[in-house]
Amino acid sequence: METYSSGMWTIRAGEEDAFIEDWRAFAEWSSQQSGAGTLRLTRDARNPSRFLSFAPWESYEQVRAWQNMPEFAERIEKARRHTTEFMASEYELVVAAEGSYAPAASA
């Protein structure tokens, strides 16, 4: 079963660049945790203050272990301080339809 963590972020006007840098630092730390895949941050093309982050994980248990680490709350809070709204979720893959395009591992 494929497991994903995800965050929906709405950022205060003018704080987008600071948020991106703080999220990058959080993601670099997170990507070193056991079971983490490539963490990605995307930006809404129509609403530049809205972002979606997501990452594949080897298991739901590894997501929970990462979220329960003492450093997790402190590190994610640095990104959250730029938000007006934040919602985190975990997902399990139920359907995949392969296409011909494969995105690069990192931007």
PDB file of N, CA and C in Angstrom:
ATOM      1  N   MET A   1       0.849  -1.177   0.000  1.00  0.00           N
ATOM      2  CA  MET A   1       0.000   0.000   0.000  1.00  0.00           C
ATOM      3  C   MET A   1       0.891   1.236   0.000  1.00  0.00           C
ATOM      4  N   GLU A   2       0.654   2.150  -0.938  1.00  0.00           N
ATOM      5  CA  GLU A   2       1.395   3.405  -0.982  1.00  0.00           C
ATOM      6  C   GLU A   2       0.741   4.408  -0.047  1.00  0.00           C
ATOM      7  N   THR A   3       1.569   5.090   0.749  1.00  0.00           N
ATOM      8  CA  THR A   3       1.106   6.061   1.729  1.00  0.00           C
ATOM      9  C   THR A   3       1.709   7.423   1.408  1.00  0.00           C
ATOM     10  N   TYR A   4       0.913   8.475   1.577  1.00  0.00           N
ATOM     11  CA  TYR A   4       1.367   9.833   1.295  1.00  0.00           C
ATOM     12  C   TYR A   4       1.002  10.752   2.453  1.00  0.00           C
ATOM     13  N   SER A   5       1.897  11.690   2.739  1.00  0.00           N
ATOM     14  CA  SER A   5       1.549  12.801   3.628  1.00  0.00           C
ATOM     15  C   SER A   5       1.294  14.008   2.742  1.00  0.00           C
ATOM     16  N   SER A   6       0.438  14.907   3.218  1.00  0.00           N
ATOM     17  CA  SER A   6       0.083  16.060   2.410  1.00  0.00           C
ATOM     18  C   SER A   6      -0.262  17.240   3.305  1.00  0.00           C
ATOM     19  N   GLY A   7      -0.005  18.430   2.796  1.00  0.00           N
ATOM     20  CA  GLY A   7      -0.393  19.650   3.494  1.00  0.00           C
ATOM     21  C   GLY A   7      -0.965  20.648   2.514  1.00  0.00           C
ATOM     22  N   MET A   8      -2.049  21.303   2.895  1.00  0.00           N
ATOM     23  CA  MET A   8      -2.628  22.403   2.120  1.00  0.00           C
ATOM     24  C   MET A   8      -2.325  23.664   2.913  1.00  0.00           C
ATOM     25  N   TRP A   9      -1.614  24.593   2.281  1.00  0.00           N
ATOM     26  CA  TRP A   9      -1.106  25.789   2.943  1.00  0.00           C
ATOM     27  C   TRP A   9      -1.668  27.036   2.259  1.00  0.00           C
ATOM     28  N   THR A  10      -2.231  27.958   3.019  1.00  0.00           N
ATOM     29  CA  THR A  10      -2.599  29.277   2.504  1.00  0.00           C
ATOM     30  C   THR A  10      -1.704  30.272   3.230  1.00  0.00           C
ATOM     31  N   ILE A  11      -0.956  31.054   2.442  1.00  0.00           N
ATOM     32  CA  ILE A  11       0.114  31.894   2.966  1.00  0.00           C
ATOM     33  C   ILE A  11      -0.308  33.369   2.962  1.00  0.00           C
ATOM     34  N   ARG A  12       0.118  34.087   4.003  1.00  0.00           N
ATOM     35  CA  ARG A  12      -0.140  35.524   4.067  1.00  0.00           C
ATOM     36  C   ARG A  12       0.524  36.234   2.892  1.00  0.00           C
ATOM     37  N   ALA A  13      -0.165  37.209   2.334  1.00  0.00           N
ATOM     38  CA  ALA A  13       0.378  37.981   1.209  1.00  0.00           C
ATOM     39  C   ALA A  13       1.728  38.573   1.582  1.00  0.00           C
ATOM     40  N   GLY A  14       2.674  38.422   0.679  1.00  0.00           N
ATOM     41  CA  GLY A  14       4.008  38.951   0.878  1.00  0.00           C
ATOM     42  C   GLY A  14       4.960  38.029   1.601  1.00  0.00           C
ATOM     43  N   GLU A  15       4.456  36.907   2.127  1.00  0.00           N
ATOM     44  CA  GLU A  15       5.309  35.977   2.881  1.00  0.00           C
ATOM     45  C   GLU A  15       5.609  34.701   2.103  1.00  0.00           C
ATOM     46  N   GLU A  16       5.239  34.666   0.827  1.00  0.00           N
ATOM     47  CA  GLU A  16       5.392  33.446   0.029  1.00  0.00           C
ATOM     48  C   GLU A  16       6.851  32.993  -0.064  1.00  0.00           C
ATOM     49  N   ASP A  17       7.781  33.901  -0.346  1.00  0.00           N
ATOM     50  CA  ASP A  17       9.189  33.511  -0.479  1.00  0.00           C
ATOM     51  C   ASP A  17       9.752  33.003   0.840  1.00  0.00           C
ATOM     52  N   ALA A  18       9.414  33.663   1.938  1.00  0.00           N
ATOM     53  CA  ALA A  18       9.875  33.216   3.257  1.00  0.00           C
ATOM     54  C   ALA A  18       9.300  31.833   3.576  1.00  0.00           C
ATOM     55  N   PHE A  19       8.024  31.637   3.250  1.00  0.00           N
ATOM     56  CA  PHE A  19       7.409  30.323   3.460  1.00  0.00           C
ATOM     57  C   PHE A  19       8.145  29.246   2.673  1.00  0.00           C
ATOM     58  N   ILE A  20       8.421  29.510   1.402  1.00  0.00           N
ATOM     59  CA  ILE A  20       9.101  28.519   0.564  1.00  0.00           C
ATOM     60  C   ILE A  20      10.444  28.141   1.168  1.00  0.00           C
ATOM     61  N   GLU A  21      11.194  29.105   1.640  1.00  0.00           N
ATOM     62  CA  GLU A  21      12.501  28.800   2.246  1.00  0.00           C
ATOM     63  C   GLU A  21      12.345  28.001   3.534  1.00  0.00           C
ATOM     64  N   ASP A  22      11.385  28.361   4.376  1.00  0.00           N
ATOM     65  CA  ASP A  22      11.167  27.605   5.616  1.00  0.00           C
ATOM     66  C   ASP A  22      10.649  26.202   5.320  1.00  0.00           C
ATOM     67  N   TRP A  23       9.783  26.069   4.303  1.00  0.00           N
ATOM     68  CA  TRP A  23       9.294  24.745   3.943  1.00  0.00           C
ATOM     69  C   TRP A  23      10.439  23.899   3.397  1.00  0.00           C
ATOM     70  N   ARG A  24      11.324  24.501   2.611  1.00  0.00           N
ATOM     71  CA  ARG A  24      12.476  23.774   2.062  1.00  0.00           C
ATOM     72  C   ARG A  24      13.337  23.198   3.196  1.00  0.00           C
ATOM     73  N   ALA A  25      13.595  23.996   4.215  1.00  0.00           N
ATOM     74  CA  ALA A  25      14.386  23.513   5.356  1.00  0.00           C
ATOM     75  C   ALA A  25      13.671  22.354   6.052  1.00  0.00           C
ATOM     76  N   PHE A  26      12.368  22.480   6.243  1.00  0.00           N
ATOM     77  CA  PHE A  26      11.578  21.397   6.847  1.00  0.00           C
ATOM     78  C   PHE A  26      11.644  20.146   5.984  1.00  0.00           C
ATOM     79  N   ALA A  27      11.505  20.310   4.673  1.00  0.00           N
ATOM     80  CA  ALA A  27      11.515  19.165   3.754  1.00  0.00           C
ATOM     81  C   ALA A  27      12.884  18.490   3.709  1.00  0.00           C
ATOM     82  N   GLU A  28      13.949  19.274   3.744  1.00  0.00           N
ATOM     83  CA  GLU A  28      15.289  18.673   3.726  1.00  0.00           C
ATOM     84  C   GLU A  28      15.507  17.813   4.960  1.00  0.00           C
ATOM     85  N   TRP A  29      15.058  18.284   6.111  1.00  0.00           N
ATOM     86  CA  TRP A  29      15.148  17.469   7.330  1.00  0.00           C
ATOM     87  C   TRP A  29      14.241  16.235   7.206  1.00  0.00           C
ATOM     88  N   SER A  30      13.007  16.443   6.773  1.00  0.00           N
ATOM     89  CA  SER A  30      12.037  15.350   6.675  1.00  0.00           C
ATOM     90  C   SER A  30      12.500  14.261   5.714  1.00  0.00           C
ATOM     91  N   SER A  31      13.115  14.659   4.612  1.00  0.00           N
ATOM     92  CA  SER A  31      13.529  13.678   3.600  1.00  0.00           C
ATOM     93  C   SER A  31      14.614  12.740   4.105  1.00  0.00           C
ATOM     94  N   GLN A  32      15.245  13.081   5.212  1.00  0.00           N
ATOM     95  CA  GLN A  32      16.274  12.229   5.797  1.00  0.00           C
ATOM     96  C   GLN A  32      15.698  11.198   6.771  1.00  0.00           C
ATOM     97  N   GLN A  33      14.399  11.257   7.012  1.00  0.00           N
ATOM     98  CA  GLN A  33      13.771  10.344   7.965  1.00  0.00           C
ATOM     99  C   GLN A  33      13.486   8.997   7.304  1.00  0.00           C
ATOM    100  N   SER A  34      13.475   7.971   8.111  1.00  0.00           N
ATOM    101  CA  SER A  34      13.263   6.612   7.626  1.00  0.00           C
ATOM    102  C   SER A  34      11.933   6.488   6.887  1.00  0.00           C
ATOM    103  N   GLY A  35      11.989   5.965   5.670  1.00  0.00           N
ATOM    104  CA  GLY A  35      10.792   5.706   4.884  1.00  0.00           C
ATOM    105  C   GLY A  35      10.307   6.858   4.040  1.00  0.00           C
ATOM    106  N   ALA A  36      10.962   8.019   4.108  1.00  0.00           N
ATOM    107  CA  ALA A  36      10.512   9.191   3.351  1.00  0.00           C
ATOM    108  C   ALA A  36      10.920   9.085   1.888  1.00  0.00           C
ATOM    109  N   GLY A  37      10.006   9.499   1.018  1.00  0.00           N
ATOM    110  CA  GLY A  37      10.307   9.643  -0.402  1.00  0.00           C
ATOM    111  C   GLY A  37      10.624  11.101  -0.698  1.00  0.00           C
ATOM    112  N   THR A  38      10.501  11.497  -1.938  1.00  0.00           N
ATOM    113  CA  THR A  38      10.761  12.878  -2.344  1.00  0.00           C
ATOM    114  C   THR A  38       9.619  13.779  -1.895  1.00  0.00           C
ATOM    115  N   LEU A  39       9.936  14.766  -1.080  1.00  0.00           N
ATOM    116  CA  LEU A  39       8.930  15.736  -0.646  1.00  0.00           C
ATOM    117  C   LEU A  39       8.808  16.806  -1.714  1.00  0.00           C
ATOM    118  N   ARG A  40       7.579  17.198  -2.022  1.00  0.00           N
ATOM    119  CA  ARG A  40       7.325  18.176  -3.076  1.00  0.00           C
ATOM    120  C   ARG A  40       6.406  19.277  -2.555  1.00  0.00           C
ATOM    121  N   LEU A  41       6.675  20.488  -3.039  1.00  0.00           N
ATOM    122  CA  LEU A  41       5.824  21.639  -2.744  1.00  0.00           C
ATOM    123  C   LEU A  41       5.366  22.206  -4.079  1.00  0.00           C
ATOM    124  N   THR A  42       4.062  22.318  -4.250  1.00  0.00           N
ATOM    125  CA  THR A  42       3.504  22.877  -5.480  1.00  0.00           C
ATOM    126  C   THR A  42       2.740  24.145  -5.134  1.00  0.00           C
ATOM    127  N   ARG A  43       2.621  25.013  -6.132  1.00  0.00           N
ATOM    128  CA  ARG A  43       1.934  26.285  -5.947  1.00  0.00           C
ATOM    129  C   ARG A  43       0.743  26.349  -6.893  1.00  0.00           C
ATOM    130  N   ASP A  44      -0.375  26.822  -6.401  1.00  0.00           N
ATOM    131  CA  ASP A  44      -1.583  26.971  -7.207  1.00  0.00           C
ATOM    132  C   ASP A  44      -1.323  28.021  -8.283  1.00  0.00           C
ATOM    133  N   ALA A  45      -1.476  27.656  -9.548  1.00  0.00           N
ATOM    134  CA  ALA A  45      -1.208  28.564 -10.662  1.00  0.00           C
ATOM    135  C   ALA A  45      -2.195  29.733 -10.701  1.00  0.00           C
ATOM    136  N   ARG A  46      -3.384  29.559 -10.135  1.00  0.00           N
ATOM    137  CA  ARG A  46      -4.401  30.620 -10.153  1.00  0.00           C
ATOM    138  C   ARG A  46      -4.469  31.410  -8.858  1.00  0.00           C
ATOM    139  N   ASN A  47      -3.912  30.847  -7.793  1.00  0.00           N
ATOM    140  CA  ASN A  47      -3.931  31.499  -6.485  1.00  0.00           C
ATOM    141  C   ASN A  47      -2.542  31.344  -5.869  1.00  0.00           C
ATOM    142  N   PRO A  48      -1.627  32.279  -6.127  1.00  0.00           N
ATOM    143  CA  PRO A  48      -0.229  32.106  -5.714  1.00  0.00           C
ATOM    144  C   PRO A  48       0.020  32.112  -4.210  1.00  0.00           C
ATOM    145  N   SER A  49      -1.001  32.333  -3.405  1.00  0.00           N
ATOM    146  CA  SER A  49      -0.826  32.232  -1.957  1.00  0.00           C
ATOM    147  C   SER A  49      -1.197  30.839  -1.432  1.00  0.00           C
ATOM    148  N   ARG A  50      -1.622  29.937  -2.319  1.00  0.00           N
ATOM    149  CA  ARG A  50      -2.012  28.583  -1.915  1.00  0.00           C
ATOM    150  C   ARG A  50      -0.986  27.572  -2.435  1.00  0.00           C
ATOM    151  N   PHE A  51      -0.571  26.679  -1.534  1.00  0.00           N
ATOM    152  CA  PHE A  51       0.421  25.655  -1.837  1.00  0.00           C
ATOM    153  C   PHE A  51      -0.093  24.287  -1.401  1.00  0.00           C
ATOM    154  N   LEU A  52       0.387  23.270  -2.088  1.00  0.00           N
ATOM    155  CA  LEU A  52       0.110  21.885  -1.729  1.00  0.00           C
ATOM    156  C   LEU A  52       1.443  21.167  -1.613  1.00  0.00           C
ATOM    157  N   SER A  53       1.672  20.522  -0.480  1.00  0.00           N
ATOM    158  CA  SER A  53       2.872  19.706  -0.302  1.00  0.00           C
ATOM    159  C   SER A  53       2.450  18.249  -0.194  1.00  0.00           C
ATOM    160  N   PHE A  54       3.325  17.358  -0.660  1.00  0.00           N
ATOM    161  CA  PHE A  54       3.024  15.931  -0.549  1.00  0.00           C
ATOM    162  C   PHE A  54       4.311  15.134  -0.649  1.00  0.00           C
ATOM    163  N   ALA A  55       4.247  13.929  -0.092  1.00  0.00           N
ATOM    164  CA  ALA A  55       5.409  13.037  -0.109  1.00  0.00           C
ATOM    165  C   ALA A  55       4.957  11.596   0.035  1.00  0.00           C
ATOM    166  N   PRO A  56       5.580  10.700  -0.711  1.00  0.00           N
ATOM    167  CA  PRO A  56       5.310   9.274  -0.516  1.00  0.00           C
ATOM    168  C   PRO A  56       6.135   8.747   0.663  1.00  0.00           C
ATOM    169  N   TRP A  57       5.577   7.753   1.332  1.00  0.00           N
ATOM    170  CA  TRP A  57       6.246   7.104   2.455  1.00  0.00           C
ATOM    171  C   TRP A  57       6.141   5.602   2.290  1.00  0.00           C
ATOM    172  N   GLU A  58       7.082   4.884   2.865  1.00  0.00           N
ATOM    173  CA  GLU A  58       7.045   3.419   2.802  1.00  0.00           C
ATOM    174  C   GLU A  58       5.848   2.851   3.548  1.00  0.00           C
ATOM    175  N   SER A  59       5.431   3.528   4.627  1.00  0.00           N
ATOM    176  CA  SER A  59       4.288   3.016   5.392  1.00  0.00           C
ATOM    177  C   SER A  59       3.649   4.135   6.212  1.00  0.00           C
ATOM    178  N   TYR A  60       2.410   3.904   6.594  1.00  0.00           N
ATOM    179  CA  TYR A  60       1.706   4.840   7.457  1.00  0.00           C
ATOM    180  C   TYR A  60       2.413   4.950   8.807  1.00  0.00           C
ATOM    181  N   GLU A  61       2.952   3.845   9.301  1.00  0.00           N
ATOM    182  CA  GLU A  61       3.658   3.840  10.586  1.00  0.00           C
ATOM    183  C   GLU A  61       4.866   4.771  10.551  1.00  0.00           C
ATOM    184  N   GLN A  62       5.547   4.833   9.403  1.00  0.00           N
ATOM    185  CA  GLN A  62       6.700   5.729   9.293  1.00  0.00           C
ATOM    186  C   GLN A  62       6.261   7.195   9.256  1.00  0.00           C
ATOM    187  N   VAL A  63       5.123   7.476   8.651  1.00  0.00           N
ATOM    188  CA  VAL A  63       4.577   8.834   8.681  1.00  0.00           C
ATOM    189  C   VAL A  63       4.307   9.227  10.124  1.00  0.00           C
ATOM    190  N   ARG A  64       3.644   8.364  10.867  1.00  0.00           N
ATOM    191  CA  ARG A  64       3.312   8.660  12.272  1.00  0.00           C
ATOM    192  C   ARG A  64       4.572   8.814  13.113  1.00  0.00           C
ATOM    193  N   ALA A  65       5.584   7.979  12.878  1.00  0.00           N
ATOM    194  CA  ALA A  65       6.835   8.098  13.627  1.00  0.00           C
ATOM    195  C   ALA A  65       7.491   9.453  13.355  1.00  0.00           C
ATOM    196  N   TRP A  66       7.495   9.879  12.096  1.00  0.00           N
ATOM    197  CA  TRP A  66       8.052  11.185  11.708  1.00  0.00           C
ATOM    198  C   TRP A  66       7.277  12.305  12.400  1.00  0.00           C
ATOM    199  N   GLN A  67       5.961  12.246  12.372  1.00  0.00           N
ATOM    200  CA  GLN A  67       5.141  13.285  12.979  1.00  0.00           C
ATOM    201  C   GLN A  67       5.272  13.317  14.500  1.00  0.00           C
ATOM    202  N   ASN A  68       5.637  12.191  15.105  1.00  0.00           N
ATOM    203  CA  ASN A  68       5.774  12.114  16.554  1.00  0.00           C
ATOM    204  C   ASN A  68       7.181  12.415  17.047  1.00  0.00           C
ATOM    205  N   MET A  69       8.102  12.690  16.136  1.00  0.00           N
ATOM    206  CA  MET A  69       9.463  13.050  16.548  1.00  0.00           C
ATOM    207  C   MET A  69       9.426  14.385  17.280  1.00  0.00           C
ATOM    208  N   PRO A  70      10.232  14.548  18.338  1.00  0.00           N
ATOM    209  CA  PRO A  70      10.238  15.823  19.070  1.00  0.00           C
ATOM    210  C   PRO A  70      10.543  17.034  18.186  1.00  0.00           C
ATOM    211  N   GLU A  71      11.379  16.866  17.180  1.00  0.00           N
ATOM    212  CA  GLU A  71      11.763  17.982  16.310  1.00  0.00           C
ATOM    213  C   GLU A  71      10.674  18.366  15.316  1.00  0.00           C
ATOM    214  N   PHE A  72       9.722  17.462  15.051  1.00  0.00           N
ATOM    215  CA  PHE A  72       8.726  17.708  14.017  1.00  0.00           C
ATOM    216  C   PHE A  72       7.941  18.996  14.262  1.00  0.00           C
ATOM    217  N   ALA A  73       7.369  19.143  15.449  1.00  0.00           N
ATOM    218  CA  ALA A  73       6.514  20.311  15.736  1.00  0.00           C
ATOM    219  C   ALA A  73       7.299  21.610  15.589  1.00  0.00           C
ATOM    220  N   GLU A  74       8.506  21.647  16.098  1.00  0.00           N
ATOM    221  CA  GLU A  74       9.322  22.853  16.010  1.00  0.00           C
ATOM    222  C   GLU A  74       9.657  23.196  14.559  1.00  0.00           C
ATOM    223  N   ARG A  75      10.003  22.189  13.770  1.00  0.00           N
ATOM    224  CA  ARG A  75      10.410  22.427  12.388  1.00  0.00           C
ATOM    225  C   ARG A  75       9.228  22.816  11.496  1.00  0.00           C
ATOM    226  N   ILE A  76       8.089  22.162  11.667  1.00  0.00           N
ATOM    227  CA  ILE A  76       6.941  22.519  10.825  1.00  0.00           C
ATOM    228  C   ILE A  76       6.374  23.887  11.215  1.00  0.00           C
ATOM    229  N   GLU A  77       6.509  24.244  12.475  1.00  0.00           N
ATOM    230  CA  GLU A  77       5.991  25.532  12.920  1.00  0.00           C
ATOM    231  C   GLU A  77       6.683  26.697  12.211  1.00  0.00           C
ATOM    232  N   LYS A  78       7.931  26.542  11.843  1.00  0.00           N
ATOM    233  CA  LYS A  78       8.642  27.607  11.126  1.00  0.00           C
ATOM    234  C   LYS A  78       7.972  27.894   9.782  1.00  0.00           C
ATOM    235  N   ALA A  79       7.435  26.877   9.131  1.00  0.00           N
ATOM    236  CA  ALA A  79       6.691  27.085   7.885  1.00  0.00           C
ATOM    237  C   ALA A  79       5.269  27.562   8.181  1.00  0.00           C
ATOM    238  N   ARG A  80       4.658  27.007   9.203  1.00  0.00           N
ATOM    239  CA  ARG A  80       3.266  27.355   9.530  1.00  0.00           C
ATOM    240  C   ARG A  80       3.096  28.799   9.969  1.00  0.00           C
ATOM    241  N   ARG A  81       4.149  29.422  10.463  1.00  0.00           N
ATOM    242  CA  ARG A  81       4.020  30.802  10.951  1.00  0.00           C
ATOM    243  C   ARG A  81       3.641  31.778   9.836  1.00  0.00           C
ATOM    244  N   HIS A  82       3.795  31.346   8.585  1.00  0.00           N
ATOM    245  CA  HIS A  82       3.450  32.190   7.433  1.00  0.00           C
ATOM    246  C   HIS A  82       2.017  31.972   6.946  1.00  0.00           C
ATOM    247  N   THR A  83       1.272  31.085   7.591  1.00  0.00           N
ATOM    248  CA  THR A  83      -0.032  30.680   7.063  1.00  0.00           C
ATOM    249  C   THR A  83      -1.203  31.427   7.684  1.00  0.00           C
ATOM    250  N   THR A  84      -2.266  31.491   6.908  1.00  0.00           N
ATOM    251  CA  THR A  84      -3.569  31.877   7.445  1.00  0.00           C
ATOM    252  C   THR A  84      -4.437  30.634   7.599  1.00  0.00           C
ATOM    253  N   GLU A  85      -4.040  29.561   6.901  1.00  0.00           N
ATOM    254  CA  GLU A  85      -4.772  28.295   6.964  1.00  0.00           C
ATOM    255  C   GLU A  85      -3.803  27.163   6.636  1.00  0.00           C
ATOM    256  N   PHE A  86      -3.914  26.069   7.374  1.00  0.00           N
ATOM    257  CA  PHE A  86      -3.082  24.887   7.125  1.00  0.00           C
ATOM    258  C   PHE A  86      -3.897  23.647   7.460  1.00  0.00           C
ATOM    259  N   MET A  87      -3.839  22.654   6.579  1.00  0.00           N
ATOM    260  CA  MET A  87      -4.509  21.388   6.835  1.00  0.00           C
ATOM    261  C   MET A  87      -3.585  20.262   6.402  1.00  0.00           C
ATOM    262  N   ALA A  88      -3.281  19.369   7.320  1.00  0.00           N
ATOM    263  CA  ALA A  88      -2.428  18.217   7.030  1.00  0.00           C
ATOM    264  C   ALA A  88      -3.292  16.964   6.925  1.00  0.00           C
ATOM    265  N   SER A  89      -2.871  16.036   6.048  1.00  0.00           N
ATOM    266  CA  SER A  89      -3.598  14.789   5.852  1.00  0.00           C
ATOM    267  C   SER A  89      -2.628  13.676   5.503  1.00  0.00           C
ATOM    268  N   GLU A  90      -3.102  12.461   5.663  1.00  0.00           N
ATOM    269  CA  GLU A  90      -2.385  11.282   5.180  1.00  0.00           C
ATOM    270  C   GLU A  90      -3.318  10.538   4.243  1.00  0.00           C
ATOM    271  N   TYR A  91      -2.744   9.986   3.179  1.00  0.00           N
ATOM    272  CA  TYR A  91      -3.544   9.312   2.159  1.00  0.00           C
ATOM    273  C   TYR A  91      -2.952   7.954   1.832  1.00  0.00           C
ATOM    274  N   GLU A  92      -3.822   7.054   1.393  1.00  0.00           N
ATOM    275  CA  GLU A  92      -3.418   5.751   0.867  1.00  0.00           C
ATOM    276  C   GLU A  92      -3.837   5.702  -0.597  1.00  0.00           C
ATOM    277  N   LEU A  93      -2.937   5.240  -1.450  1.00  0.00           N
ATOM    278  CA  LEU A  93      -3.219   5.148  -2.875  1.00  0.00           C
ATOM    279  C   LEU A  93      -4.280   4.081  -3.128  1.00  0.00           C
ATOM    280  N   VAL A  94      -5.292   4.430  -3.924  1.00  0.00           N
ATOM    281  CA  VAL A  94      -6.328   3.467  -4.283  1.00  0.00           C
ATOM    282  C   VAL A  94      -6.354   3.174  -5.778  1.00  0.00           C
ATOM    283  N   VAL A  95      -5.887   4.117  -6.624  1.00  0.00           N
ATOM    284  CA  VAL A  95      -5.840   3.915  -8.073  1.00  0.00           C
ATOM    285  C   VAL A  95      -4.635   4.667  -8.622  1.00  0.00           C
ATOM    286  N   ALA A  96      -3.964   4.074  -9.593  1.00  0.00           N
ATOM    287  CA  ALA A  96      -2.883   4.755 -10.319  1.00  0.00           C
ATOM    288  C   ALA A  96      -3.036   4.442 -11.800  1.00  0.00           C
ATOM    289  N   ALA A  97      -2.945   5.461 -12.635  1.00  0.00           N
ATOM    290  CA  ALA A  97      -2.995   5.296 -14.091  1.00  0.00           C
ATOM    291  C   ALA A  97      -1.712   5.894 -14.645  1.00  0.00           C
ATOM    292  N   GLU A  98      -0.817   5.060 -15.112  1.00  0.00           N
ATOM    293  CA  GLU A  98       0.496   5.502 -15.584  1.00  0.00           C
ATOM    294  C   GLU A  98       0.375   6.282 -16.896  1.00  0.00           C
ATOM    295  N   GLY A  99       1.115   7.384 -16.976  1.00  0.00           N
ATOM    296  CA  GLY A  99       1.196   8.195 -18.177  1.00  0.00           C
ATOM    297  C   GLY A  99       2.608   8.131 -18.748  1.00  0.00           C
ATOM    298  N   SER A 100       2.845   8.893 -19.776  1.00  0.00           N
ATOM    299  CA  SER A 100       4.157   8.877 -20.420  1.00  0.00           C
ATOM    300  C   SER A 100       5.129   9.881 -19.823  1.00  0.00           C
ATOM    301  N   TYR A 101       4.635  10.823 -18.998  1.00  0.00           N
ATOM    302  CA  TYR A 101       5.485  11.858 -18.409  1.00  0.00           C
ATOM    303  C   TYR A 101       5.919  11.447 -17.018  1.00  0.00           C
ATOM    304  N   ALA A 102       7.207  11.620 -16.698  1.00  0.00           N
ATOM    305  CA  ALA A 102       7.725  11.361 -15.362  1.00  0.00           C
ATOM    306  C   ALA A 102       8.443  12.627 -14.896  1.00  0.00           C
ATOM    307  N   PRO A 103       7.935  13.300 -13.844  1.00  0.00           N
ATOM    308  CA  PRO A 103       8.573  14.536 -13.386  1.00  0.00           C
ATOM    309  C   PRO A 103       9.948  14.273 -12.790  1.00  0.00           C
ATOM    310  N   ALA A 104      10.780  15.301 -12.776  1.00  0.00           N
ATOM    311  CA  ALA A 104      12.098  15.206 -12.167  1.00  0.00           C
ATOM    312  C   ALA A 104      11.947  14.974 -10.676  1.00  0.00           C
ATOM    313  N   ALA A 105      12.950  14.362 -10.062  1.00  0.00           N
ATOM    314  CA  ALA A 105      12.894  14.048  -8.634  1.00  0.00           C
ATOM    315  C   ALA A 105      12.895  15.300  -7.767  1.00  0.00           C
ATOM    316  N   SER A 106      13.521  16.372  -8.204  1.00  0.00           N
ATOM    317  CA  SER A 106      13.524  17.607  -7.409  1.00  0.00           C
ATOM    318  C   SER A 106      13.664  18.801  -8.334  1.00  0.00           C
ATOM    319  N   ALA A 107      13.192  19.932  -7.819  1.00  0.00           N
ATOM    320  CA  ALA A 107      13.245  21.165  -8.620  1.00  0.00           C
ATOM    321  C   ALA A 107      14.399  22.021  -8.193  1.00  0.00           C
TER     322      ALA A 107
END
